[in-house]
């Protein structure tokens, strides 16, 4: 398809999605026409991926040189992404532009990174961590003067881990070590490295385990009460917060929830967890069911998107990840209670901790509570026993046999 026809088709898709004509045609003028002119200048009538890649690189160079502002940069990159989506898929996917990494790689290491990420079965969270560690390692090698792996060995692997240890917390060093083992396992298997360095990377990392608070029943009630359920956004947000508080679902799983995941006849929610990819079935309680039903029938926009919870503005699509859900919860928390402190543990995940603590407090065995919440490891549930102050008091010893003595009675007694 000719590049100008592809741009016109993209414009039509944006208008059909509900964007205002003013916005769409401004995008055409500011973001699509430069792409068309770049293709014409290169003698390309139809969409050409190499030409598009070169165009994006020039845009990135312009922002780095300070020639254009951040907003104009985002507009140009978004325009390139929209036209590429239309070419590749025949429709707009409405994905957000990927955030550029500050760890720049050469072509050799970038190709190796892509192969590594496509070779393993990583969960979404694991994929993100693997990409972060591998990219950081390769970028570190470049800063150390290595353009490939030909002269990289135990000294460099050890040096990178020392570098991480001097700049990261224990939990981050642990993740770096874990994915370095996976990376070198891949590199050795595919002939890029003669060693796996498994012995070198088997050292133990001391990780601090902070005990974050669980949301209290009073806090949850206060937050729910400030949500305006008369408007579509309020109906959606009320259902989201209530769903998190009652079931303990993670923000990412709620963001990924699909209409087909809810079995209204059996009263169940069935999902594949985004963190572990493990299946999970939860009861759809009456209060949660009514809240979701109210939103779907009276607040949810008409769209072909199958996500249960949609964004409030066109195009009506589901959330990309749980970040938006965490943000909306933070906003209600601040409105209902008080401003939060950084890393205070009172975000959306505190609802999951509240559900977990409630199960333990009710006497549910830890193994069963872990199954209910979909936790893979029992150890992830043990911290909730610490939050169960009522039952911990039952474990406390009395002072029988070590009664308190009045100091005056001990005068004259030599130890």
Protein backbone atom coordinates (compact mmCIF):
# COMPACT_ATOMS: atom_id res chain seq x y z
CA UNK A 1 0.00 0.00 0.00
CA UNK A 2 1.27 3.47 -0.87
CA UNK A 3 2.43 5.47 2.10
CA UNK A 4 -0.06 8.31 1.56
CA UNK A 5 -2.93 5.81 1.30
CA UNK A 6 -1.71 4.15 4.50
CA UNK A 7 -1.74 7.52 6.27
CA UNK A 8 -5.31 8.16 5.04
CA UNK A 9 -6.40 4.75 6.27
CA UNK A 10 -4.84 5.51 9.67
CA UNK A 11 -6.75 8.80 9.81
CA UNK A 12 -10.02 6.98 9.07
CA UNK A 13 -9.33 4.48 11.86
CA UNK A 14 -8.66 7.30 14.33
CA UNK A 15 -11.90 9.04 13.38
CA UNK A 16 -13.83 5.76 13.67
CA UNK A 17 -12.40 5.29 17.17
CA UNK A 18 -14.03 8.53 18.25
CA UNK A 19 -11.14 10.99 18.24
CA UNK A 20 -12.15 14.52 17.31
CA UNK A 21 -11.59 15.54 13.66
CA UNK A 22 -9.49 18.48 14.87
CA UNK A 23 -7.14 16.17 16.77
CA UNK A 24 -6.92 13.66 13.95
CA UNK A 25 -6.17 16.13 11.18
CA UNK A 26 -3.65 17.96 13.32
CA UNK A 27 -1.93 14.60 13.84
CA UNK A 28 -1.97 14.06 10.07
CA UNK A 29 -0.40 17.46 9.47
CA UNK A 30 2.20 17.31 12.25
CA UNK A 31 3.10 13.61 12.40
CA UNK A 32 1.99 11.79 9.25
CA UNK A 33 3.09 14.26 6.56
CA UNK A 34 6.76 14.18 7.70
CA UNK A 35 6.69 10.39 7.28
CA UNK A 36 5.18 10.69 3.81
CA UNK A 37 7.79 13.28 2.79
CA UNK A 38 10.61 11.11 4.18
CA UNK A 39 9.46 8.18 2.04
CA UNK A 40 9.15 10.39 -1.03
CA UNK A 41 12.63 11.82 -0.46
CA UNK A 42 13.98 8.26 -0.33
CA UNK A 43 12.19 7.33 -3.54
CA UNK A 44 9.75 5.02 -1.73
CA UNK A 45 6.09 5.15 -2.71
CA UNK A 46 5.02 2.37 -0.36
CA UNK A 47 5.68 1.77 3.33
CA UNK A 48 9.34 0.85 3.81
CA UNK A 49 10.51 -0.42 7.19
CA UNK A 50 14.13 0.67 6.76
CA UNK A 51 12.99 4.16 5.84
CA UNK A 52 10.71 4.25 8.87
CA UNK A 53 13.50 3.04 11.17
CA UNK A 54 15.83 5.74 9.85
CA UNK A 55 13.07 8.33 10.35
CA UNK A 56 12.57 7.30 13.99
CA UNK A 57 16.32 7.47 14.60
CA UNK A 58 16.44 11.03 13.23
CA UNK A 59 13.58 12.01 15.53
CA UNK A 60 15.43 10.52 18.51
CA UNK A 61 18.59 12.39 17.51
CA UNK A 62 16.63 15.64 17.33
CA UNK A 63 15.31 15.27 20.87
CA UNK A 64 18.79 14.37 22.14
CA UNK A 65 20.25 17.46 20.44
CA UNK A 66 17.52 19.67 21.87
CA UNK A 67 16.10 20.57 18.44
CA UNK A 68 12.53 19.62 19.38
CA UNK A 69 10.54 19.57 22.59
CA UNK A 70 9.33 16.51 24.48
CA UNK A 71 5.69 16.91 23.39
CA UNK A 72 6.56 17.23 19.70
CA UNK A 73 8.90 14.24 20.02
CA UNK A 74 6.10 12.10 21.48
CA UNK A 75 3.75 13.22 18.70
CA UNK A 76 6.22 12.24 15.95
CA UNK A 77 7.03 8.86 17.53
CA UNK A 78 3.36 8.13 18.10
CA UNK A 79 2.61 8.98 14.46
CA UNK A 80 5.28 6.55 13.28
CA UNK A 81 3.89 3.87 15.56
CA UNK A 82 0.31 4.36 14.35
CA UNK A 83 1.24 4.06 10.68
CA UNK A 84 3.41 1.01 11.39
CA UNK A 85 0.53 -0.63 13.28
CA UNK A 86 -1.83 -0.01 10.37
CA UNK A 87 0.69 -1.51 7.95
CA UNK A 88 1.47 -4.58 10.09
CA UNK A 89 -2.00 -5.37 11.46
CA UNK A 90 -4.48 -3.59 9.20
CA UNK A 91 -5.83 -1.78 12.26
CA UNK A 92 -4.64 0.36 15.16
CA UNK A 93 -3.58 -1.55 18.25
CA UNK A 94 -3.61 1.57 20.45
CA UNK A 95 -0.48 0.57 22.30
CA UNK A 96 1.55 3.26 24.00
CA UNK A 97 4.98 4.17 22.62
CA UNK A 98 7.71 2.19 24.31
CA UNK A 99 9.80 4.13 26.78
CA UNK A 100 13.33 4.46 25.52
CA UNK A 101 15.96 2.83 27.72
CA UNK A 102 18.88 4.89 28.96
CA UNK A 103 21.09 1.80 28.49
CA UNK A 104 22.10 2.10 24.84
CA UNK A 105 23.37 -1.02 23.03
CA UNK A 106 25.21 -1.60 19.80
CA UNK A 107 23.76 -3.86 17.11
CA UNK A 108 25.71 -6.91 18.35
CA UNK A 109 24.39 -6.77 21.90
CA UNK A 110 20.90 -5.68 20.84
CA UNK A 111 20.59 -8.74 18.61
CA UNK A 112 21.84 -10.95 21.44
CA UNK A 113 19.34 -9.38 23.85
CA UNK A 114 16.44 -9.97 21.44
CA UNK A 115 17.45 -13.63 21.01
CA UNK A 116 17.73 -14.12 24.78
CA UNK A 117 14.29 -12.65 25.47
CA UNK A 118 12.64 -14.70 22.72
CA UNK A 119 14.30 -17.96 23.83
CA UNK A 120 12.91 -18.38 27.33
CA UNK A 121 9.46 -18.79 28.79
CA UNK A 122 9.38 -15.74 31.00
CA UNK A 123 6.33 -14.49 32.83
CA UNK A 124 5.48 -10.83 32.08
CA UNK A 125 7.28 -9.81 35.28
CA UNK A 126 10.17 -12.17 34.53
CA UNK A 127 10.45 -10.82 30.99
CA UNK A 128 10.74 -7.28 32.33
CA UNK A 129 13.42 -8.27 34.87
CA UNK A 130 15.38 -10.35 32.34
CA UNK A 131 15.38 -7.49 29.87
CA UNK A 132 16.47 -4.99 32.52
CA UNK A 133 19.38 -7.11 33.79
CA UNK A 134 20.66 -8.21 30.38
CA UNK A 135 20.44 -4.72 28.90
CA UNK A 136 22.17 -3.23 31.93
CA UNK A 137 24.94 -5.83 31.73
CA UNK A 138 25.56 -5.35 28.02
CA UNK A 139 25.54 -1.55 28.41
CA UNK A 140 28.01 -1.88 31.28
CA UNK A 141 30.30 -3.99 29.08
CA UNK A 142 30.22 -1.27 26.42
CA UNK A 143 31.23 1.37 28.97
CA UNK A 144 34.11 -0.94 29.94
CA UNK A 145 35.32 -1.01 26.35
CA UNK A 146 33.85 -4.34 25.16
CA UNK A 147 31.97 -4.17 21.85
CA UNK A 148 31.29 -7.93 21.88
CA UNK A 149 31.90 -10.99 24.08
CA UNK A 150 35.20 -12.04 22.52
CA UNK A 151 37.31 -10.82 25.45
CA UNK A 152 34.69 -11.06 28.20
CA UNK A 153 35.27 -13.57 30.98
CA UNK A 154 35.15 -14.18 34.70
CA UNK A 155 36.70 -10.81 35.52
CA UNK A 156 33.94 -8.94 33.72
CA UNK A 157 31.12 -11.07 35.18
CA UNK A 158 32.52 -10.58 38.66
CA UNK A 159 33.06 -6.88 37.99
CA UNK A 160 29.46 -6.39 36.93
CA UNK A 161 28.13 -8.07 40.06
CA UNK A 162 30.40 -5.87 42.20
CA UNK A 163 29.07 -2.89 40.25
CA UNK A 164 25.50 -3.98 41.07
CA UNK A 165 26.35 -4.60 44.72
CA UNK A 166 27.65 -1.05 45.10
CA UNK A 167 24.57 0.53 43.57
CA UNK A 168 21.57 -1.68 44.34
CA UNK A 169 19.59 -2.95 47.27
CA UNK A 170 19.86 -6.60 48.21
CA UNK A 171 16.65 -7.60 46.43
CA UNK A 172 17.83 -5.98 43.17
CA UNK A 173 21.26 -7.66 43.44
CA UNK A 174 19.45 -10.97 43.94
CA UNK A 175 17.45 -10.41 40.73
CA UNK A 176 20.59 -9.36 38.85
CA UNK A 177 22.35 -12.56 39.93
CA UNK A 178 19.32 -14.71 39.04
CA UNK A 179 18.96 -13.37 35.50
CA UNK A 180 22.70 -13.28 34.90
CA UNK A 181 22.61 -17.05 35.49
CA UNK A 182 19.77 -17.37 32.99
CA UNK A 183 21.56 -15.13 30.51
CA UNK A 184 24.84 -17.06 30.64
CA UNK A 185 22.98 -20.33 30.48
CA UNK A 186 21.52 -19.09 27.19
CA UNK A 187 24.86 -17.71 25.96
CA UNK A 188 26.66 -21.01 26.67
CA UNK A 189 23.90 -23.09 25.08
CA UNK A 190 24.05 -21.07 21.86
CA UNK A 191 27.83 -20.88 21.65
CA UNK A 192 28.26 -17.23 22.56
CA UNK A 193 30.13 -18.12 25.76
CA UNK A 194 32.29 -21.08 26.74
CA UNK A 195 31.23 -20.84 30.38
CA UNK A 196 27.96 -20.55 32.27
CA UNK A 197 29.73 -19.10 35.35
CA UNK A 198 27.17 -20.96 37.44
CA UNK A 199 29.64 -21.44 40.29
CA UNK A 200 30.56 -17.77 40.31
CA UNK A 201 26.91 -16.74 40.32
CA UNK A 202 25.88 -19.07 43.15
CA UNK A 203 26.76 -16.68 45.97
CA UNK A 204 24.05 -15.85 48.49
CA UNK A 205 22.55 -12.38 48.65
CA UNK A 206 21.20 -11.01 51.91
CA UNK A 207 17.84 -9.42 51.21
CA UNK A 208 15.99 -7.22 53.62
CA UNK A 209 12.33 -8.13 54.00
CA UNK A 210 10.24 -5.11 54.87
CA UNK A 211 6.89 -5.68 56.48
CA UNK A 212 4.36 -3.46 54.77
CA UNK A 213 0.97 -2.71 56.35
CA UNK A 214 -2.31 -4.21 55.28
CA UNK A 215 -5.20 -1.89 54.54
CA UNK A 216 -7.63 -1.74 57.45
CA UNK A 217 -11.35 -2.35 57.05
CA UNK A 218 -11.95 1.26 58.12
CA UNK A 219 -9.57 2.62 55.48
CA UNK A 220 -11.17 0.52 52.73
CA UNK A 221 -14.65 1.67 53.73
CA UNK A 222 -13.54 5.30 53.77
CA UNK A 223 -11.97 5.03 50.32
CA UNK A 224 -15.03 3.33 48.84
CA UNK A 225 -17.27 6.03 50.30
CA UNK A 226 -15.51 8.87 48.46
CA UNK A 227 -16.01 7.25 45.04
CA UNK A 228 -18.89 8.86 43.16
CA UNK A 229 -20.89 5.89 41.91
CA UNK A 230 -23.31 8.11 39.98
CA UNK A 231 -20.84 8.62 37.11
CA UNK A 232 -19.34 5.99 34.77
CA UNK A 233 -15.81 6.49 36.06
CA UNK A 234 -16.99 6.14 39.64
CA UNK A 235 -18.86 2.92 38.87
CA UNK A 236 -15.72 1.50 37.30
CA UNK A 237 -13.39 2.59 40.10
CA UNK A 238 -15.73 1.36 42.83
CA UNK A 239 -15.87 -2.09 41.21
CA UNK A 240 -12.07 -2.15 40.85
CA UNK A 241 -11.32 -1.23 44.47
CA UNK A 242 -14.00 -3.57 45.84
CA UNK A 243 -12.72 -6.41 43.64
CA UNK A 244 -9.19 -5.89 44.95
CA UNK A 245 -10.32 -5.66 48.57
CA UNK A 246 -12.54 -8.76 48.51
CA UNK A 247 -10.54 -11.12 46.28
CA UNK A 248 -6.98 -9.85 46.78
CA UNK A 249 -6.38 -9.81 43.03
CA UNK A 250 -3.27 -7.97 41.92
CA UNK A 251 -3.65 -4.71 40.00
CA UNK A 252 -2.16 -6.31 36.88
CA UNK A 253 -4.68 -9.16 36.95
CA UNK A 254 -7.58 -6.72 37.33
CA UNK A 255 -6.23 -4.67 34.41
CA UNK A 256 -6.10 -7.86 32.28
CA UNK A 257 -9.54 -9.12 33.35
CA UNK A 258 -11.71 -10.03 30.36
CA UNK A 259 -15.48 -10.32 30.05
CA UNK A 260 -15.08 -14.02 29.32
CA UNK A 261 -13.18 -14.50 32.60
CA UNK A 262 -16.39 -14.00 34.57
CA UNK A 263 -18.75 -16.97 34.79
CA UNK A 264 -21.98 -15.36 35.94
CA UNK A 265 -23.83 -18.68 36.07
CA UNK A 266 -21.32 -20.37 38.39
CA UNK A 267 -20.41 -17.18 40.20
CA UNK A 268 -16.66 -17.47 39.48
CA UNK A 269 -13.76 -15.46 38.15
CA UNK A 270 -11.18 -17.54 36.29
CA UNK A 271 -7.89 -16.03 35.14
CA UNK A 272 -4.29 -16.85 34.31
CA UNK A 273 -2.23 -14.74 36.70
CA UNK A 274 -0.01 -12.21 34.99
CA UNK A 275 2.80 -12.63 37.53
CA UNK A 276 3.02 -16.43 37.52
CA UNK A 277 0.92 -17.48 34.49
CA UNK A 278 -0.77 -19.96 36.87
CA UNK A 279 -4.57 -20.42 36.59
CA UNK A 280 -6.69 -19.11 39.43
CA UNK A 281 -10.40 -19.46 40.20
CA UNK A 282 -12.10 -17.15 42.70
CA UNK A 283 -15.69 -16.88 43.89
CA UNK A 284 -17.65 -13.91 42.57
CA UNK A 285 -19.22 -12.62 45.76
CA UNK A 286 -22.59 -10.89 45.64
CA UNK A 287 -21.24 -7.41 46.43
CA UNK A 288 -18.44 -7.60 43.87
CA UNK A 289 -20.78 -9.08 41.27
CA UNK A 290 -23.31 -6.27 41.76
CA UNK A 291 -20.60 -3.62 41.47
CA UNK A 292 -19.21 -5.09 38.24
CA UNK A 293 -22.69 -5.57 36.82
CA UNK A 294 -23.63 -1.96 37.59
CA UNK A 295 -20.53 -0.75 35.78
CA UNK A 296 -20.98 -3.01 32.74
CA UNK A 297 -24.67 -2.16 32.31
CA UNK A 298 -24.68 1.49 33.30
CA UNK A 299 -21.15 2.85 32.97
CA UNK A 300 -19.06 0.87 30.50
CA UNK A 301 -18.73 2.35 27.00
CA UNK A 302 -19.85 0.40 23.96
CA UNK A 303 -16.79 -1.03 22.26
CA UNK A 304 -15.47 -4.21 20.70
CA UNK A 305 -12.76 -4.41 23.37
CA UNK A 306 -13.28 -7.42 25.67
CA UNK A 307 -11.51 -5.93 28.70
CA UNK A 308 -13.88 -5.57 31.64
CA UNK A 309 -12.50 -2.21 32.78
CA UNK A 310 -11.96 0.45 30.13
CA UNK A 311 -10.28 3.81 29.99
CA UNK A 312 -12.66 6.76 30.10
CA UNK A 313 -11.52 8.44 26.88
CA UNK A 314 -11.44 7.36 23.26
CA UNK A 315 -10.28 5.00 22.05
CA UNK A 316 -12.06 2.89 24.66
CA UNK A 317 -9.50 0.23 25.48
CA UNK A 318 -8.45 -1.68 28.57
CA UNK A 319 -5.52 -0.76 30.77
CA UNK A 320 -2.07 -1.69 29.50
CA UNK A 321 -0.97 -2.83 32.96
CA UNK A 322 -1.73 -2.40 36.63
CA UNK A 323 0.00 0.96 36.90
CA UNK A 324 -3.13 2.94 36.04
CA UNK A 325 -5.12 1.03 38.66
CA UNK A 326 -2.49 1.78 41.29
CA UNK A 327 -2.63 5.46 40.32
CA UNK A 328 -6.41 5.73 40.62
CA UNK A 329 -6.31 3.99 44.00
CA UNK A 330 -3.63 6.43 45.20
CA UNK A 331 -5.82 9.35 44.14
CA UNK A 332 -8.80 8.07 46.13
CA UNK A 333 -6.57 7.27 49.10
CA UNK A 334 -5.28 10.83 49.24
CA UNK A 335 -8.78 12.23 48.84
CA UNK A 336 -10.25 10.00 51.54
CA UNK A 337 -7.45 9.91 54.10
CA UNK A 338 -4.19 11.83 53.75
CA UNK A 339 -1.18 12.21 51.42
CA UNK A 340 0.97 9.13 51.17
CA UNK A 341 4.69 8.86 51.73
CA UNK A 342 6.95 7.22 49.17
CA UNK A 343 7.35 3.46 49.66
CA UNK A 344 4.95 3.42 52.63
CA UNK A 345 3.28 0.23 51.39
CA UNK A 346 -0.22 1.73 51.46
CA UNK A 347 -0.92 1.41 47.75
CA UNK A 348 -3.28 -0.93 45.93
CA UNK A 349 -1.29 -4.00 46.97
CA UNK A 350 -2.22 -3.27 50.60
CA UNK A 351 -5.68 -4.60 49.66
CA UNK A 352 -4.13 -7.97 48.83
CA UNK A 353 -2.29 -7.93 52.14
CA UNK A 354 -5.60 -7.17 53.86
CA UNK A 355 -7.24 -10.18 52.20
CA UNK A 356 -4.28 -12.41 53.09
CA UNK A 357 -4.20 -11.25 56.70
CA UNK A 358 -7.95 -11.71 56.97
CA UNK A 359 -7.68 -15.32 55.83
CA UNK A 360 -4.89 -16.06 58.31
CA UNK A 361 -6.74 -14.30 61.13
CA UNK A 362 -9.86 -16.33 60.37
CA UNK A 363 -7.85 -19.50 60.97
CA UNK A 364 -7.43 -20.57 57.36
CA UNK A 365 -4.27 -22.73 57.06
CA UNK A 366 -1.40 -20.95 55.32
CA UNK A 367 -1.27 -23.58 52.57
CA UNK A 368 -4.94 -23.07 51.76
CA UNK A 369 -4.67 -19.29 51.97
CA UNK A 370 -1.79 -19.41 49.48
CA UNK A 371 -3.92 -21.47 47.09
CA UNK A 372 -6.84 -19.08 47.41
CA UNK A 373 -4.65 -16.09 46.54
CA UNK A 374 -2.69 -17.91 43.86
CA UNK A 375 0.69 -17.58 45.58
CA UNK A 376 3.19 -20.09 44.24
CA UNK A 377 5.33 -20.27 47.37
CA UNK A 378 4.13 -20.75 50.93
CA UNK A 379 6.89 -18.43 52.16
CA UNK A 380 5.17 -15.49 50.50
CA UNK A 381 2.28 -16.02 52.93
CA UNK A 382 4.33 -16.28 56.12
CA UNK A 383 4.72 -12.51 56.50
CA UNK A 384 0.98 -12.23 56.93
CA UNK A 385 1.24 -14.25 60.12
CA UNK A 386 3.35 -11.40 61.47
CA UNK A 387 0.57 -8.96 60.58
CA UNK A 388 -1.89 -11.13 62.52
CA UNK A 389 -1.35 -9.40 65.86
CA UNK A 390 -4.41 -10.96 67.50
CA UNK A 391 -3.16 -14.52 67.12
CA UNK A 392 0.41 -13.55 67.88
CA UNK A 393 -0.74 -12.41 71.32
CA UNK A 394 -1.94 -15.96 71.98
CA UNK A 395 1.62 -17.15 71.42
CA UNK A 396 3.13 -14.71 73.92
CA UNK A 397 4.57 -16.17 77.14
CA UNK A 398 3.57 -14.91 80.57
CA UNK A 399 6.06 -14.03 83.31
CA UNK A 400 5.51 -17.15 85.41
CA UNK A 401 8.77 -18.05 87.16
CA UNK A 402 10.38 -14.71 86.36
CA UNK A 403 8.20 -12.49 88.54
CA UNK A 404 9.24 -8.89 89.00
CA UNK A 405 11.10 -8.13 92.24
CA UNK A 406 10.99 -4.81 94.00
CA UNK A 407 14.41 -3.16 93.83
CA UNK A 408 14.25 -2.36 97.55
CA UNK A 409 14.07 -6.08 98.32
CA UNK A 410 17.39 -6.71 96.58
CA UNK A 411 19.41 -4.19 98.57
CA UNK A 412 22.35 -5.75 100.27
CA UNK A 413 22.21 -8.83 98.09
CA UNK A 414 25.46 -9.47 96.27
CA UNK A 415 25.27 -11.01 92.84
